[in-house]
Amino acid sequence: SDLKNAVHGSETFSAAERELKFMFPNSIIEPILQG
């Protein structure tokens, strides 16, 4: 259904930062370096 829809995902970059810190409070959210 609309409510029971199996999965959730962050809408924006700022939302992802906030939600990751909420679920993983001891993690360090920083860019992953490439190249």
PDB file of all heavy atoms in Angstrom:
ATOM      1  N   SER A   1       0.844  -1.197   0.000  1.00  0.00           N
ATOM      2  CA  SER A   1       0.000   0.000   0.000  1.00  0.00           C
ATOM      3  C   SER A   1       0.878   1.245   0.000  1.00  0.00           C
ATOM      4  O   SER A   1       2.112   1.156  -0.103  1.00  0.00           O
ATOM      5  CB  SER A   1      -0.914   0.003   1.232  1.00  0.00           C
ATOM      6  OG  SER A   1      -0.153   0.156   2.421  1.00  0.00           O
ATOM      7  N   ASP A   2       0.243   2.403   0.156  1.00  0.00           N
ATOM      8  CA  ASP A   2       0.998   3.648   0.246  1.00  0.00           C
ATOM      9  C   ASP A   2       1.769   3.721   1.555  1.00  0.00           C
ATOM     10  O   ASP A   2       2.876   4.252   1.610  1.00  0.00           O
ATOM     11  CB  ASP A   2       0.039   4.839   0.129  1.00  0.00           C
ATOM     12  CG  ASP A   2       0.779   6.166  -0.038  1.00  0.00           C
ATOM     13  OD1 ASP A   2       1.980   6.136  -0.372  1.00  0.00           O
ATOM     14  OD2 ASP A   2       0.163   7.217   0.173  1.00  0.00           O
ATOM     15  N   LEU A   3       1.181   3.185   2.630  1.00  0.00           N
ATOM     16  CA  LEU A   3       1.834   3.188   3.938  1.00  0.00           C
ATOM     17  C   LEU A   3       2.829   2.044   4.052  1.00  0.00           C
ATOM     18  O   LEU A   3       4.006   2.256   4.382  1.00  0.00           O
ATOM     19  CB  LEU A   3       0.783   3.088   5.042  1.00  0.00           C
ATOM     20  CG  LEU A   3       1.318   3.028   6.475  1.00  0.00           C
ATOM     21  CD1 LEU A   3       2.031   4.335   6.841  1.00  0.00           C
ATOM     22  CD2 LEU A   3       0.186   2.738   7.456  1.00  0.00           C
ATOM     23  N   LYS A   4       2.384   0.840   3.775  1.00  0.00           N
ATOM     24  CA  LYS A   4       3.238  -0.346   3.870  1.00  0.00           C
ATOM     25  C   LYS A   4       3.889  -0.583   2.505  1.00  0.00           C
ATOM     26  O   LYS A   4       3.479  -1.458   1.736  1.00  0.00           O
ATOM     27  CB  LYS A   4       2.418  -1.550   4.320  1.00  0.00           C
ATOM     28  CG  LYS A   4       1.808  -1.362   5.708  1.00  0.00           C
ATOM     29  CD  LYS A   4       1.013  -2.586   6.151  1.00  0.00           C
ATOM     30  CE  LYS A   4       0.449  -2.385   7.544  1.00  0.00           C
ATOM     31  NZ  LYS A   4      -0.323  -3.569   8.008  1.00  0.00           N
ATOM     32  N   ASN A   5       4.921   0.218   2.257  1.00  0.00           N
ATOM     33  CA  ASN A   5       5.543   0.199   0.923  1.00  0.00           C
ATOM     34  C   ASN A   5       6.982  -0.304   0.944  1.00  0.00           C
ATOM     35  O   ASN A   5       7.789   0.030   0.083  1.00  0.00           O
ATOM     36  CB  ASN A   5       5.463   1.581   0.272  1.00  0.00           C
ATOM     37  CG  ASN A   5       6.173   2.654   1.082  1.00  0.00           C
ATOM     38  OD1 ASN A   5       6.733   2.385   2.149  1.00  0.00           O
ATOM     39  ND2 ASN A   5       6.158   3.882   0.579  1.00  0.00           N
ATOM     40  N   ALA A   6       7.323  -1.101   1.959  1.00  0.00           N
ATOM     41  CA  ALA A   6       8.540  -1.929   1.991  1.00  0.00           C
ATOM     42  C   ALA A   6       9.838  -1.198   2.308  1.00  0.00           C
ATOM     43  O   ALA A   6      10.631  -1.672   3.118  1.00  0.00           O
ATOM     44  CB  ALA A   6       8.705  -2.717   0.686  1.00  0.00           C
ATOM     45  N   VAL A   7      10.096  -0.051   1.678  1.00  0.00           N
ATOM     46  CA  VAL A   7      11.408   0.581   1.822  1.00  0.00           C
ATOM     47  C   VAL A   7      11.295   2.100   1.915  1.00  0.00           C
ATOM     48  O   VAL A   7      10.311   2.693   1.473  1.00  0.00           O
ATOM     49  CB  VAL A   7      12.351   0.203   0.653  1.00  0.00           C
ATOM     50  CG1 VAL A   7      12.806  -1.246   0.749  1.00  0.00           C
ATOM     51  CG2 VAL A   7      11.664   0.461  -0.688  1.00  0.00           C
ATOM     52  N   HIS A   8      12.306   2.687   2.498  1.00  0.00           N
ATOM     53  CA  HIS A   8      12.432   4.147   2.604  1.00  0.00           C
ATOM     54  C   HIS A   8      13.796   4.555   2.079  1.00  0.00           C
ATOM     55  O   HIS A   8      14.777   3.811   2.198  1.00  0.00           O
ATOM     56  CB  HIS A   8      12.301   4.589   4.063  1.00  0.00           C
ATOM     57  CG  HIS A   8      12.784   5.995   4.317  1.00  0.00           C
ATOM     58  ND1 HIS A   8      11.978   7.099   4.162  1.00  0.00           N
ATOM     59  CD2 HIS A   8      14.010   6.465   4.710  1.00  0.00           C
ATOM     60  CE1 HIS A   8      12.679   8.191   4.448  1.00  0.00           C
ATOM     61  NE2 HIS A   8      13.902   7.835   4.781  1.00  0.00           N
ATOM     62  N   GLY A   9      13.879   5.766   1.518  1.00  0.00           N
ATOM     63  CA  GLY A   9      15.159   6.314   1.089  1.00  0.00           C
ATOM     64  C   GLY A   9      15.207   7.812   1.305  1.00  0.00           C
ATOM     65  O   GLY A   9      14.169   8.488   1.313  1.00  0.00           O
ATOM     66  N   SER A  10      16.391   8.331   1.499  1.00  0.00           N
ATOM     67  CA  SER A  10      16.575   9.769   1.715  1.00  0.00           C
ATOM     68  C   SER A  10      16.213  10.535   0.450  1.00  0.00           C
ATOM     69  O   SER A  10      16.560  10.134  -0.662  1.00  0.00           O
ATOM     70  CB  SER A  10      18.021  10.069   2.099  1.00  0.00           C
ATOM     71  OG  SER A  10      18.417   9.315   3.231  1.00  0.00           O
ATOM     72  N   GLU A  11      15.530  11.667   0.631  1.00  0.00           N
ATOM     73  CA  GLU A  11      15.069  12.466  -0.504  1.00  0.00           C
ATOM     74  C   GLU A  11      16.167  13.338  -1.091  1.00  0.00           C
ATOM     75  O   GLU A  11      16.231  13.537  -2.304  1.00  0.00           O
ATOM     76  CB  GLU A  11      13.899  13.356  -0.079  1.00  0.00           C
ATOM     77  CG  GLU A  11      12.576  12.634   0.026  1.00  0.00           C
ATOM     78  CD  GLU A  11      12.054  12.188  -1.329  1.00  0.00           C
ATOM     79  OE1 GLU A  11      12.236  12.933  -2.313  1.00  0.00           O
ATOM     80  OE2 GLU A  11      11.491  11.085  -1.397  1.00  0.00           O
ATOM     81  N   THR A  12      17.029  13.894  -0.238  1.00  0.00           N
ATOM     82  CA  THR A  12      18.040  14.853  -0.671  1.00  0.00           C
ATOM     83  C   THR A  12      19.368  14.553   0.025  1.00  0.00           C
ATOM     84  O   THR A  12      19.437  13.731   0.945  1.00  0.00           O
ATOM     85  CB  THR A  12      17.624  16.295  -0.331  1.00  0.00           C
ATOM     86  OG1 THR A  12      17.519  16.411   1.105  1.00  0.00           O
ATOM     87  CG2 THR A  12      16.290  16.642  -0.971  1.00  0.00           C
ATOM     88  N   PHE A  13      20.412  15.272  -0.407  1.00  0.00           N
ATOM     89  CA  PHE A  13      21.726  15.093   0.212  1.00  0.00           C
ATOM     90  C   PHE A  13      21.694  15.470   1.689  1.00  0.00           C
ATOM     91  O   PHE A  13      22.243  14.760   2.538  1.00  0.00           O
ATOM     92  CB  PHE A  13      22.755  15.937  -0.533  1.00  0.00           C
ATOM     93  CG  PHE A  13      24.170  15.747  -0.050  1.00  0.00           C
ATOM     94  CD1 PHE A  13      24.919  14.661  -0.477  1.00  0.00           C
ATOM     95  CD2 PHE A  13      24.743  16.639   0.837  1.00  0.00           C
ATOM     96  CE1 PHE A  13      26.216  14.476  -0.019  1.00  0.00           C
ATOM     97  CE2 PHE A  13      26.034  16.462   1.291  1.00  0.00           C
ATOM     98  CZ  PHE A  13      26.775  15.374   0.858  1.00  0.00           C
ATOM     99  N   SER A  14      21.049  16.594   2.021  1.00  0.00           N
ATOM    100  CA  SER A  14      20.988  17.027   3.415  1.00  0.00           C
ATOM    101  C   SER A  14      20.150  16.057   4.250  1.00  0.00           C
ATOM    102  O   SER A  14      20.472  15.782   5.414  1.00  0.00           O
ATOM    103  CB  SER A  14      20.422  18.440   3.516  1.00  0.00           C
ATOM    104  OG  SER A  14      19.122  18.511   2.961  1.00  0.00           O
ATOM    105  N   ALA A  15      19.071  15.527   3.653  1.00  0.00           N
ATOM    106  CA  ALA A  15      18.263  14.534   4.360  1.00  0.00           C
ATOM    107  C   ALA A  15      19.069  13.265   4.614  1.00  0.00           C
ATOM    108  O   ALA A  15      18.962  12.648   5.681  1.00  0.00           O
ATOM    109  CB  ALA A  15      17.007  14.216   3.563  1.00  0.00           C
ATOM    110  N   ALA A  16      19.886  12.875   3.644  1.00  0.00           N
ATOM    111  CA  ALA A  16      20.715  11.683   3.814  1.00  0.00           C
ATOM    112  C   ALA A  16      21.691  11.856   4.964  1.00  0.00           C
ATOM    113  O   ALA A  16      21.889  10.939   5.776  1.00  0.00           O
ATOM    114  CB  ALA A  16      21.473  11.383   2.520  1.00  0.00           C
ATOM    115  N   GLU A  17      22.307  13.027   5.067  1.00  0.00           N
ATOM    116  CA  GLU A  17      23.234  13.279   6.177  1.00  0.00           C
ATOM    117  C   GLU A  17      22.522  13.152   7.516  1.00  0.00           C
ATOM    118  O   GLU A  17      23.022  12.508   8.440  1.00  0.00           O
ATOM    119  CB  GLU A  17      23.844  14.673   6.034  1.00  0.00           C
ATOM    120  CG  GLU A  17      24.889  14.795   4.950  1.00  0.00           C
ATOM    121  CD  GLU A  17      25.614  16.122   5.021  1.00  0.00           C
ATOM    122  OE1 GLU A  17      24.952  17.168   5.160  1.00  0.00           O
ATOM    123  OE2 GLU A  17      26.857  16.114   4.944  1.00  0.00           O
ATOM    124  N   ARG A  18      21.346  13.779   7.622  1.00  0.00           N
ATOM    125  CA  ARG A  18      20.608  13.751   8.884  1.00  0.00           C
ATOM    126  C   ARG A  18      20.150  12.335   9.224  1.00  0.00           C
ATOM    127  O   ARG A  18      20.302  11.872  10.364  1.00  0.00           O
ATOM    128  CB  ARG A  18      19.386  14.673   8.790  1.00  0.00           C
ATOM    129  CG  ARG A  18      18.561  14.724  10.071  1.00  0.00           C
ATOM    130  CD  ARG A  18      17.311  15.550   9.905  1.00  0.00           C
ATOM    131  NE  ARG A  18      16.341  14.955   9.010  1.00  0.00           N
ATOM    132  CZ  ARG A  18      15.496  13.981   9.374  1.00  0.00           C
ATOM    133  NH1 ARG A  18      15.516  13.491  10.603  1.00  0.00           N
ATOM    134  NH2 ARG A  18      14.637  13.499   8.497  1.00  0.00           N
ATOM    135  N   GLU A  19      19.619  11.620   8.242  1.00  0.00           N
ATOM    136  CA  GLU A  19      19.073  10.292   8.503  1.00  0.00           C
ATOM    137  C   GLU A  19      20.167   9.270   8.789  1.00  0.00           C
ATOM    138  O   GLU A  19      19.986   8.364   9.615  1.00  0.00           O
ATOM    139  CB  GLU A  19      18.220   9.852   7.313  1.00  0.00           C
ATOM    140  CG  GLU A  19      16.959  10.690   7.153  1.00  0.00           C
ATOM    141  CD  GLU A  19      16.123  10.321   5.952  1.00  0.00           C
ATOM    142  OE1 GLU A  19      16.561   9.455   5.159  1.00  0.00           O
ATOM    143  OE2 GLU A  19      15.032  10.895   5.800  1.00  0.00           O
ATOM    144  N   LEU A  20      21.310   9.392   8.116  1.00  0.00           N
ATOM    145  CA  LEU A  20      22.420   8.488   8.401  1.00  0.00           C
ATOM    146  C   LEU A  20      22.936   8.685   9.824  1.00  0.00           C
ATOM    147  O   LEU A  20      23.232   7.712  10.537  1.00  0.00           O
ATOM    148  CB  LEU A  20      23.543   8.691   7.385  1.00  0.00           C
ATOM    149  CG  LEU A  20      23.287   8.124   5.986  1.00  0.00           C
ATOM    150  CD1 LEU A  20      24.303   8.656   4.995  1.00  0.00           C
ATOM    151  CD2 LEU A  20      23.316   6.599   6.013  1.00  0.00           C
ATOM    152  N   LYS A  21      23.045   9.948  10.261  1.00  0.00           N
ATOM    153  CA  LYS A  21      23.487  10.217  11.628  1.00  0.00           C
ATOM    154  C   LYS A  21      22.460   9.725  12.640  1.00  0.00           C
ATOM    155  O   LYS A  21      22.819   9.307  13.744  1.00  0.00           O
ATOM    156  CB  LYS A  21      23.728  11.721  11.821  1.00  0.00           C
ATOM    157  CG  LYS A  21      24.947  12.252  11.098  1.00  0.00           C
ATOM    158  CD  LYS A  21      26.236  11.610  11.584  1.00  0.00           C
ATOM    159  CE  LYS A  21      26.606  12.041  12.988  1.00  0.00           C
ATOM    160  NZ  LYS A  21      27.913  11.472  13.417  1.00  0.00           N
ATOM    161  N   PHE A  22      21.187   9.762  12.275  1.00  0.00           N
ATOM    162  CA  PHE A  22      20.129   9.286  13.165  1.00  0.00           C
ATOM    163  C   PHE A  22      20.251   7.776  13.370  1.00  0.00           C
ATOM    164  O   PHE A  22      20.168   7.289  14.499  1.00  0.00           O
ATOM    165  CB  PHE A  22      18.759   9.621  12.569  1.00  0.00           C
ATOM    166  CG  PHE A  22      17.597   9.336  13.484  1.00  0.00           C
ATOM    167  CD1 PHE A  22      17.042  10.345  14.257  1.00  0.00           C
ATOM    168  CD2 PHE A  22      17.052   8.059  13.562  1.00  0.00           C
ATOM    169  CE1 PHE A  22      15.971  10.086  15.100  1.00  0.00           C
ATOM    170  CE2 PHE A  22      15.988   7.786  14.405  1.00  0.00           C
ATOM    171  CZ  PHE A  22      15.446   8.803  15.185  1.00  0.00           C
ATOM    172  N   MET A  23      20.440   7.040  12.288  1.00  0.00           N
ATOM    173  CA  MET A  23      20.481   5.581  12.370  1.00  0.00           C
ATOM    174  C   MET A  23      21.855   5.043  12.756  1.00  0.00           C
ATOM    175  O   MET A  23      21.969   3.971  13.343  1.00  0.00           O
ATOM    176  CB  MET A  23      20.062   4.975  11.021  1.00  0.00           C
ATOM    177  CG  MET A  23      18.600   5.198  10.690  1.00  0.00           C
ATOM    178  SD  MET A  23      17.530   4.324  11.864  1.00  0.00           S
ATOM    179  CE  MET A  23      15.925   4.967  11.352  1.00  0.00           C
ATOM    180  N   PHE A  24      22.907   5.793  12.421  1.00  0.00           N
ATOM    181  CA  PHE A  24      24.276   5.365  12.740  1.00  0.00           C
ATOM    182  C   PHE A  24      24.981   6.527  13.442  1.00  0.00           C
ATOM    183  O   PHE A  24      25.840   7.194  12.854  1.00  0.00           O
ATOM    184  CB  PHE A  24      25.019   4.964  11.464  1.00  0.00           C
ATOM    185  CG  PHE A  24      24.349   3.878  10.679  1.00  0.00           C
ATOM    186  CD1 PHE A  24      23.565   4.173   9.568  1.00  0.00           C
ATOM    187  CD2 PHE A  24      24.469   2.550  11.072  1.00  0.00           C
ATOM    188  CE1 PHE A  24      22.931   3.180   8.846  1.00  0.00           C
ATOM    189  CE2 PHE A  24      23.837   1.532  10.352  1.00  0.00           C
ATOM    190  CZ  PHE A  24      23.064   1.847   9.245  1.00  0.00           C
ATOM    191  N   PRO A  25      24.627   6.793  14.711  1.00  0.00           N
ATOM    192  CA  PRO A  25      25.115   8.004  15.399  1.00  0.00           C
ATOM    193  C   PRO A  25      26.623   8.073  15.567  1.00  0.00           C
ATOM    194  O   PRO A  25      27.173   9.160  15.718  1.00  0.00           O
ATOM    195  CB  PRO A  25      24.407   7.951  16.759  1.00  0.00           C
ATOM    196  CG  PRO A  25      23.964   6.532  16.917  1.00  0.00           C
ATOM    197  CD  PRO A  25      23.696   6.021  15.547  1.00  0.00           C
ATOM    198  N   ASN A  26      27.311   6.941  15.539  1.00  0.00           N
ATOM    199  CA  ASN A  26      28.765   6.946  15.730  1.00  0.00           C
ATOM    200  C   ASN A  26      29.536   7.022  14.419  1.00  0.00           C
ATOM    201  O   ASN A  26      30.772   7.016  14.432  1.00  0.00           O
ATOM    202  CB  ASN A  26      29.202   5.696  16.501  1.00  0.00           C
ATOM    203  CG  ASN A  26      28.648   5.660  17.908  1.00  0.00           C
ATOM    204  OD1 ASN A  26      28.544   6.693  18.567  1.00  0.00           O
ATOM    205  ND2 ASN A  26      28.271   4.479  18.381  1.00  0.00           N
ATOM    206  N   SER A  27      28.823   7.083  13.307  1.00  0.00           N
ATOM    207  CA  SER A  27      29.514   7.124  12.016  1.00  0.00           C
ATOM    208  C   SER A  27      29.928   8.549  11.691  1.00  0.00           C
ATOM    209  O   SER A  27      29.339   9.516  12.172  1.00  0.00           O
ATOM    210  CB  SER A  27      28.612   6.582  10.905  1.00  0.00           C
ATOM    211  OG  SER A  27      27.471   7.403  10.752  1.00  0.00           O
ATOM    212  N   ILE A  28      30.961   8.663  10.865  1.00  0.00           N
ATOM    213  CA  ILE A  28      31.438   9.958  10.388  1.00  0.00           C
ATOM    214  C   ILE A  28      30.983  10.109   8.953  1.00  0.00           C
ATOM    215  O   ILE A  28      31.372   9.339   8.077  1.00  0.00           O
ATOM    216  CB  ILE A  28      32.973  10.061  10.477  1.00  0.00           C
ATOM    217  CG1 ILE A  28      33.429   9.915  11.938  1.00  0.00           C
ATOM    218  CG2 ILE A  28      33.461  11.379   9.903  1.00  0.00           C
ATOM    219  CD1 ILE A  28      34.924   9.867  12.107  1.00  0.00           C
ATOM    220  N   ILE A  29      30.111  11.085   8.705  1.00  0.00           N
ATOM    221  CA  ILE A  29      29.589  11.304   7.362  1.00  0.00           C
ATOM    222  C   ILE A  29      30.493  12.300   6.652  1.00  0.00           C
ATOM    223  O   ILE A  29      30.512  13.481   6.955  1.00  0.00           O
ATOM    224  CB  ILE A  29      28.153  11.849   7.403  1.00  0.00           C
ATOM    225  CG1 ILE A  29      27.282  10.964   8.304  1.00  0.00           C
ATOM    226  CG2 ILE A  29      27.582  11.927   6.002  1.00  0.00           C
ATOM    227  CD1 ILE A  29      27.212   9.523   7.875  1.00  0.00           C
ATOM    228  N   GLU A  30      31.255  11.814   5.731  1.00  0.00           N
ATOM    229  CA  GLU A  30      32.167  12.676   4.974  1.00  0.00           C
ATOM    230  C   GLU A  30      32.285  12.128   3.560  1.00  0.00           C
ATOM    231  O   GLU A  30      31.966  10.959   3.302  1.00  0.00           O
ATOM    232  CB  GLU A  30      33.539  12.731   5.640  1.00  0.00           C
ATOM    233  CG  GLU A  30      34.202  11.372   5.772  1.00  0.00           C
ATOM    234  CD  GLU A  30      35.507  11.436   6.560  1.00  0.00           C
ATOM    235  OE1 GLU A  30      35.761  12.449   7.216  1.00  0.00           O
ATOM    236  OE2 GLU A  30      36.267  10.452   6.496  1.00  0.00           O
ATOM    237  N   PRO A  31      32.717  12.939   2.596  1.00  0.00           N
ATOM    238  CA  PRO A  31      32.816  12.470   1.221  1.00  0.00           C
ATOM    239  C   PRO A  31      33.789  11.307   1.089  1.00  0.00           C
ATOM    240  O   PRO A  31      34.786  11.218   1.807  1.00  0.00           O
ATOM    241  CB  PRO A  31      33.328  13.705   0.464  1.00  0.00           C
ATOM    242  CG  PRO A  31      32.984  14.856   1.337  1.00  0.00           C
ATOM    243  CD  PRO A  31      33.067  14.348   2.744  1.00  0.00           C
ATOM    244  N   ILE A  32      33.480  10.391   0.180  1.00  0.00           N
ATOM    245  CA  ILE A  32      34.377   9.293  -0.142  1.00  0.00           C
ATOM    246  C   ILE A  32      35.253   9.745  -1.295  1.00  0.00           C
ATOM    247  O   ILE A  32      34.761  10.073  -2.369  1.00  0.00           O
ATOM    248  CB  ILE A  32      33.586   8.027  -0.525  1.00  0.00           C
ATOM    249  CG1 ILE A  32      32.675   7.600   0.637  1.00  0.00           C
ATOM    250  CG2 ILE A  32      34.521   6.899  -0.917  1.00  0.00           C
ATOM    251  CD1 ILE A  32      31.769   6.446   0.298  1.00  0.00           C
ATOM    252  N   LEU A  33      36.537   9.793  -1.075  1.00  0.00           N
ATOM    253  CA  LEU A  33      37.451  10.318  -2.081  1.00  0.00           C
ATOM    254  C   LEU A  33      37.638   9.336  -3.226  1.00  0.00           C
ATOM    255  O   LEU A  33      37.730   8.130  -3.025  1.00  0.00           O
ATOM    256  CB  LEU A  33      38.798  10.633  -1.437  1.00  0.00           C
ATOM    257  CG  LEU A  33      38.779  11.685  -0.327  1.00  0.00           C
ATOM    258  CD1 LEU A  33      40.148  11.814   0.296  1.00  0.00           C
ATOM    259  CD2 LEU A  33      38.299  13.027  -0.865  1.00  0.00           C
ATOM    260  N   GLN A  34      37.718   9.888  -4.430  1.00  0.00           N
ATOM    261  CA  GLN A  34      37.951   9.090  -5.624  1.00  0.00           C
ATOM    262  C   GLN A  34      38.966   9.812  -6.504  1.00  0.00           C
ATOM    263  O   GLN A  34      39.201  11.008  -6.358  1.00  0.00           O
ATOM    264  CB  GLN A  34      36.646   8.890  -6.395  1.00  0.00           C
ATOM    265  CG  GLN A  34      35.587   8.093  -5.654  1.00  0.00           C
ATOM    266  CD  GLN A  34      35.888   6.619  -5.630  1.00  0.00           C
ATOM    267  OE1 GLN A  34      36.150   6.010  -6.668  1.00  0.00           O
ATOM    268  NE2 GLN A  34      35.858   6.037  -4.459  1.00  0.00           N
ATOM    269  N   GLY A  35      39.546   9.080  -7.449  1.00  0.00           N
ATOM    270  CA  GLY A  35      40.402   9.679  -8.456  1.00  0.00           C
ATOM    271  C   GLY A  35      41.595  10.417  -7.871  1.00  0.00           C
ATOM    272  O   GLY A  35      42.276   9.942  -6.964  1.00  0.00           O
TER     273      GLY A  35
END
